[in-house]
């Protein structure tokens, strides 16, 4: 794999319209720029886990380069929307306060197949999230950035899914274990990474309070989801687990997932009031 699907020069920056910037959306975009820009650490972790697979290591580094570019694009847009946004200072604050297990020699998921299942969940989750942002945004440059990132993340899902099939042939982990990884990774959507990124990106000066900043992030991020975004997350997650993405179970989980995100967003907003 060589060459990126697009570059920052492909973004129509001259179309930026400050009058169409949503300030609440700006907050989550700032946070997303930090998480995406940290792709290099994720690549280092994956290269440790797949230390004897140079082909996959090359893929991981290519993937990380695209993730970092996502962060650069989002940070540049955020700086247009808020000239006071200091990406470098925010990124340092984020990486000083949140770190990945870079010394891990084996996957925190228990197997390489489990690691690839988790990567699939992250990619379909982010693809759906950026699709939701694109559809909710009115600012045209942000719409274009989110469209491109969502397409990249969907392609990344397919890439990791192909490697998942290879490793399943070697390791043979069953559907139950894969489903447990899916559920576990979904649960991590409310862990410290996103909450701390939101804190670092949005001027938190007091000591980090996970509960407060997690609620602040979720109140905004979950509000952009619509039912069709959840449907796609559920279907492609079940596929990674080896289950039927078109089954009645998928529909039930999607209904629950949509109810959960809406309820979680409303409660988080109420807690902020």
Protein backbone atom coordinates (compact mmCIF):
# COMPACT_ATOMS: atom_id res chain seq x y z
CA UNK A 1 0.00 0.00 0.00
CA UNK A 2 1.53 3.31 -1.06
CA UNK A 3 0.19 6.81 -1.41
CA UNK A 4 -2.69 8.35 0.46
CA UNK A 5 -6.20 8.63 -0.93
CA UNK A 6 -6.10 12.42 -0.54
CA UNK A 7 -3.98 15.20 0.90
CA UNK A 8 -4.66 18.43 2.77
CA UNK A 9 -4.32 20.28 -0.52
CA UNK A 10 -7.47 18.52 -1.77
CA UNK A 11 -9.61 20.22 0.88
CA UNK A 12 -11.37 23.40 -0.42
CA UNK A 13 -10.15 25.62 2.42
CA UNK A 14 -11.19 28.77 0.55
CA UNK A 15 -14.85 27.75 0.98
CA UNK A 16 -14.70 28.06 4.78
CA UNK A 17 -17.74 29.92 6.12
CA UNK A 18 -17.34 31.13 9.71
CA UNK A 19 -21.05 31.99 9.92
CA UNK A 20 -21.95 28.29 9.66
CA UNK A 21 -19.69 27.00 12.44
CA UNK A 22 -21.55 25.24 15.22
CA UNK A 23 -19.70 25.97 18.47
CA UNK A 24 -20.69 22.69 20.14
CA UNK A 25 -19.54 20.73 17.11
CA UNK A 26 -16.29 22.69 17.13
CA UNK A 27 -15.59 21.35 20.62
CA UNK A 28 -15.82 17.69 19.55
CA UNK A 29 -13.84 18.36 16.37
CA UNK A 30 -10.99 19.77 18.47
CA UNK A 31 -11.02 16.63 20.60
CA UNK A 32 -11.15 14.37 17.54
CA UNK A 33 -8.12 16.13 16.04
CA UNK A 34 -6.03 15.06 19.05
CA UNK A 35 -7.15 11.43 18.99
CA UNK A 36 -6.61 11.08 15.24
CA UNK A 37 -3.20 12.75 15.39
CA UNK A 38 -2.08 10.12 17.89
CA UNK A 39 -2.12 7.44 15.19
CA UNK A 40 1.64 6.96 15.40
CA UNK A 41 1.38 5.50 18.91
CA UNK A 42 -1.32 3.10 17.77
CA UNK A 43 0.93 1.94 14.93
CA UNK A 44 3.78 1.35 17.39
CA UNK A 45 1.48 -0.75 19.57
CA UNK A 46 0.23 -2.78 16.58
CA UNK A 47 3.77 -3.35 15.32
CA UNK A 48 4.68 -4.77 18.74
CA UNK A 49 1.67 -7.09 18.72
CA UNK A 50 2.38 -8.24 15.14
CA UNK A 51 6.17 -8.23 15.55
CA UNK A 52 6.74 -11.21 13.23
CA UNK A 53 4.38 -10.01 10.47
CA UNK A 54 6.24 -7.36 8.45
CA UNK A 55 3.45 -7.16 5.89
CA UNK A 56 0.91 -6.18 8.52
CA UNK A 57 3.38 -3.79 10.13
CA UNK A 58 3.65 -1.93 6.83
CA UNK A 59 -0.13 -1.79 6.62
CA UNK A 60 -0.33 -0.47 10.20
CA UNK A 61 2.13 2.31 9.44
CA UNK A 62 0.23 3.28 6.28
CA UNK A 63 -3.03 3.29 8.24
CA UNK A 64 -1.47 5.45 10.96
CA UNK A 65 -0.24 8.00 8.41
CA UNK A 66 -3.81 8.43 7.19
CA UNK A 67 -5.07 8.76 10.76
CA UNK A 68 -2.51 11.47 11.49
CA UNK A 69 -3.61 13.30 8.35
CA UNK A 70 -7.19 13.17 9.64
CA UNK A 71 -5.99 14.90 12.78
CA UNK A 72 -4.14 17.52 10.75
CA UNK A 73 -7.21 18.29 8.64
CA UNK A 74 -9.49 18.58 11.67
CA UNK A 75 -6.95 20.72 13.53
CA UNK A 76 -6.58 23.07 10.58
CA UNK A 77 -10.34 23.47 10.33
CA UNK A 78 -10.61 24.03 14.09
CA UNK A 79 -7.98 26.78 13.86
CA UNK A 80 -10.01 28.49 11.12
CA UNK A 81 -13.11 28.29 13.30
CA UNK A 82 -11.23 29.37 16.44
CA UNK A 83 -7.92 31.18 15.82
CA UNK A 84 -7.11 30.81 19.52
CA UNK A 85 -7.02 27.01 19.26
CA UNK A 86 -3.44 25.88 19.96
CA UNK A 87 -3.28 22.38 18.56
CA UNK A 88 0.34 21.70 19.54
CA UNK A 89 -0.20 22.69 23.17
CA UNK A 90 -3.46 20.73 23.33
CA UNK A 91 -1.87 17.66 21.78
CA UNK A 92 1.01 17.75 24.27
CA UNK A 93 -1.45 18.04 27.13
CA UNK A 94 -3.40 15.09 25.74
CA UNK A 95 -0.39 12.80 25.25
CA UNK A 96 1.08 13.80 28.62
CA UNK A 97 -2.12 12.73 30.34
CA UNK A 98 -3.18 9.73 28.25
CA UNK A 99 -0.95 7.01 26.84
CA UNK A 100 -1.25 3.64 25.16
CA UNK A 101 0.47 0.44 26.36
CA UNK A 102 3.43 0.89 24.01
CA UNK A 103 5.52 -1.69 25.85
CA UNK A 104 2.93 -4.44 25.29
CA UNK A 105 4.26 -7.41 23.34
CA UNK A 106 0.89 -9.14 23.05
CA UNK A 107 -2.57 -7.81 22.35
CA UNK A 108 -4.62 -6.50 25.24
CA UNK A 109 -7.50 -8.36 23.53
CA UNK A 110 -5.96 -11.76 24.26
CA UNK A 111 -5.15 -12.72 20.67
CA UNK A 112 -4.24 -11.17 17.36
CA UNK A 113 -7.66 -12.07 15.99
CA UNK A 114 -9.20 -10.27 18.93
CA UNK A 115 -7.02 -7.23 18.24
CA UNK A 116 -8.21 -7.13 14.63
CA UNK A 117 -11.84 -7.47 15.71
CA UNK A 118 -11.31 -4.46 17.97
CA UNK A 119 -9.72 -2.49 15.14
CA UNK A 120 -12.75 -3.27 12.95
CA UNK A 121 -15.07 -1.93 15.65
CA UNK A 122 -13.08 1.29 15.97
CA UNK A 123 -13.05 1.87 12.21
CA UNK A 124 -16.76 1.32 11.63
CA UNK A 125 -17.49 3.41 14.71
CA UNK A 126 -15.42 6.33 13.48
CA UNK A 127 -16.74 6.02 9.93
CA UNK A 128 -20.30 6.27 11.24
CA UNK A 129 -19.36 9.10 13.59
CA UNK A 130 -17.82 11.24 10.86
CA UNK A 131 -20.78 10.48 8.63
CA UNK A 132 -23.04 11.73 11.42
CA UNK A 133 -20.94 14.89 11.79
CA UNK A 134 -20.99 15.49 8.04
CA UNK A 135 -24.77 15.20 7.91
CA UNK A 136 -25.23 17.46 10.95
CA UNK A 137 -22.71 20.11 9.91
CA UNK A 138 -23.61 23.21 7.91
CA UNK A 139 -20.05 24.47 7.38
CA UNK A 140 -19.00 23.24 3.90
CA UNK A 141 -15.30 22.63 4.57
CA UNK A 142 -16.05 20.52 7.63
CA UNK A 143 -18.59 18.57 5.60
CA UNK A 144 -15.91 17.75 3.03
CA UNK A 145 -13.32 16.79 5.63
CA UNK A 146 -15.76 14.49 7.41
CA UNK A 147 -16.84 12.92 4.12
CA UNK A 148 -13.25 12.05 3.27
CA UNK A 149 -12.43 10.77 6.75
CA UNK A 150 -15.58 8.62 6.88
CA UNK A 151 -14.63 7.02 3.55
CA UNK A 152 -11.09 6.36 4.80
CA UNK A 153 -12.35 4.74 7.99
CA UNK A 154 -14.69 2.46 6.07
CA UNK A 155 -11.78 1.40 3.86
CA UNK A 156 -9.71 0.78 6.98
CA UNK A 157 -12.46 -1.48 8.34
CA UNK A 158 -12.29 -3.59 5.20
CA UNK A 159 -8.51 -3.70 5.44
CA UNK A 160 -8.48 -4.94 9.04
CA UNK A 161 -11.34 -7.35 8.28
CA UNK A 162 -9.26 -8.98 5.54
CA UNK A 163 -6.41 -9.53 8.00
CA UNK A 164 -8.90 -10.75 10.60
CA UNK A 165 -9.94 -13.55 8.25
CA UNK A 166 -6.29 -14.57 7.82
CA UNK A 167 -5.65 -14.71 11.54
CA UNK A 168 -8.89 -16.51 12.28
CA UNK A 169 -7.63 -19.30 10.02
CA UNK A 170 -4.54 -19.54 12.25
CA UNK A 171 -6.02 -18.94 15.70
CA UNK A 172 -9.60 -20.07 15.27
CA UNK A 173 -11.17 -18.03 18.05
CA UNK A 174 -14.90 -18.60 18.21
CA UNK A 175 -17.84 -16.26 17.79
CA UNK A 176 -18.46 -15.92 21.52
CA UNK A 177 -14.93 -14.65 22.16
CA UNK A 178 -15.16 -12.33 19.18
CA UNK A 179 -18.50 -10.98 20.36
CA UNK A 180 -17.02 -10.34 23.80
CA UNK A 181 -14.26 -8.28 22.16
CA UNK A 182 -16.90 -6.34 20.19
CA UNK A 183 -18.89 -5.55 23.32
CA UNK A 184 -15.77 -4.68 25.29
CA UNK A 185 -14.46 -2.31 22.64
CA UNK A 186 -17.84 -0.63 22.30
CA UNK A 187 -17.85 -0.08 26.03
CA UNK A 188 -14.51 1.68 25.76
CA UNK A 189 -16.17 4.48 23.79
CA UNK A 190 -16.75 6.03 27.21
CA UNK A 191 -13.22 5.50 28.54
CA UNK A 192 -10.59 8.12 29.31
CA UNK A 193 -9.22 8.60 25.80
CA UNK A 194 -12.07 10.65 24.35
CA UNK A 195 -12.93 12.37 27.62
CA UNK A 196 -9.31 13.40 28.18
CA UNK A 197 -8.98 14.58 24.58
CA UNK A 198 -12.06 16.74 25.07
CA UNK A 199 -10.56 18.12 28.29
CA UNK A 200 -7.18 18.83 26.66
CA UNK A 201 -8.68 20.40 23.54
CA UNK A 202 -11.20 22.65 25.25
CA UNK A 203 -9.18 24.52 27.79
CA UNK A 204 -9.57 22.47 30.91
CA UNK A 205 -7.28 24.16 33.44
CA UNK A 206 -8.44 22.50 36.65
CA UNK A 207 -7.55 18.91 37.60
CA UNK A 208 -9.03 16.36 35.21
CA UNK A 209 -12.38 14.99 36.39
CA UNK A 210 -13.25 11.97 34.29
CA UNK A 211 -16.96 12.06 35.09
CA UNK A 212 -17.37 15.72 34.25
CA UNK A 213 -15.41 15.67 31.00
CA UNK A 214 -16.86 12.37 29.86
CA UNK A 215 -20.37 13.80 30.28
CA UNK A 216 -19.36 16.96 28.44
CA UNK A 217 -18.02 14.95 25.52
CA UNK A 218 -20.85 12.43 25.33
CA UNK A 219 -23.56 15.09 25.58
CA UNK A 220 -22.32 16.53 22.30
CA UNK A 221 -20.89 13.55 20.43
CA UNK A 222 -23.89 11.26 20.91
CA UNK A 223 -26.33 14.00 19.90
CA UNK A 224 -25.25 13.79 16.25
CA UNK A 225 -26.14 10.13 15.79
CA UNK A 226 -29.29 9.08 13.96
CA UNK A 227 -30.77 5.61 13.67
CA UNK A 228 -29.15 4.77 10.32
CA UNK A 229 -25.70 5.50 11.75
CA UNK A 230 -26.31 3.04 14.57
CA UNK A 231 -27.68 0.46 12.12
CA UNK A 232 -24.40 0.46 10.21
CA UNK A 233 -22.27 0.23 13.34
CA UNK A 234 -24.24 -2.75 14.58
CA UNK A 235 -24.33 -4.60 11.26
CA UNK A 236 -20.61 -4.31 10.57
CA UNK A 237 -19.71 -5.06 14.19
CA UNK A 238 -21.72 -8.27 14.09
CA UNK A 239 -20.00 -9.16 10.84
CA UNK A 240 -16.62 -8.84 12.56
CA UNK A 241 -17.92 -11.12 15.32
CA UNK A 242 -18.93 -13.73 12.75
CA UNK A 243 -22.66 -13.18 13.24
CA UNK A 244 -25.41 -12.41 10.73
CA UNK A 245 -25.57 -8.61 10.28
CA UNK A 246 -29.10 -8.88 8.88
CA UNK A 247 -30.56 -10.99 11.67
CA UNK A 248 -33.41 -9.96 14.01
CA UNK A 249 -30.72 -9.70 16.69
CA UNK A 250 -29.05 -6.92 14.69
CA UNK A 251 -32.29 -4.96 14.56
CA UNK A 252 -32.86 -5.35 18.29
CA UNK A 253 -29.32 -4.25 19.15
CA UNK A 254 -29.60 -1.26 16.80
CA UNK A 255 -32.85 -0.12 18.44
CA UNK A 256 -31.27 -0.43 21.87
CA UNK A 257 -28.09 1.32 20.69
CA UNK A 258 -30.02 4.27 19.33
CA UNK A 259 -32.10 4.55 22.49
CA UNK A 260 -28.92 4.37 24.58
CA UNK A 261 -27.07 7.11 22.69
CA UNK A 262 -30.06 9.47 22.76
CA UNK A 263 -30.71 8.83 26.44
CA UNK A 264 -27.03 9.13 27.35
CA UNK A 265 -26.76 12.43 25.50
CA UNK A 266 -29.86 13.90 27.17
CA UNK A 267 -28.76 12.81 30.63
CA UNK A 268 -25.26 14.20 30.11
CA UNK A 269 -26.70 17.52 28.97
CA UNK A 270 -29.01 17.63 31.98
CA UNK A 271 -26.09 16.94 34.31
CA UNK A 272 -24.23 19.91 32.83
CA UNK A 273 -27.15 22.29 33.40
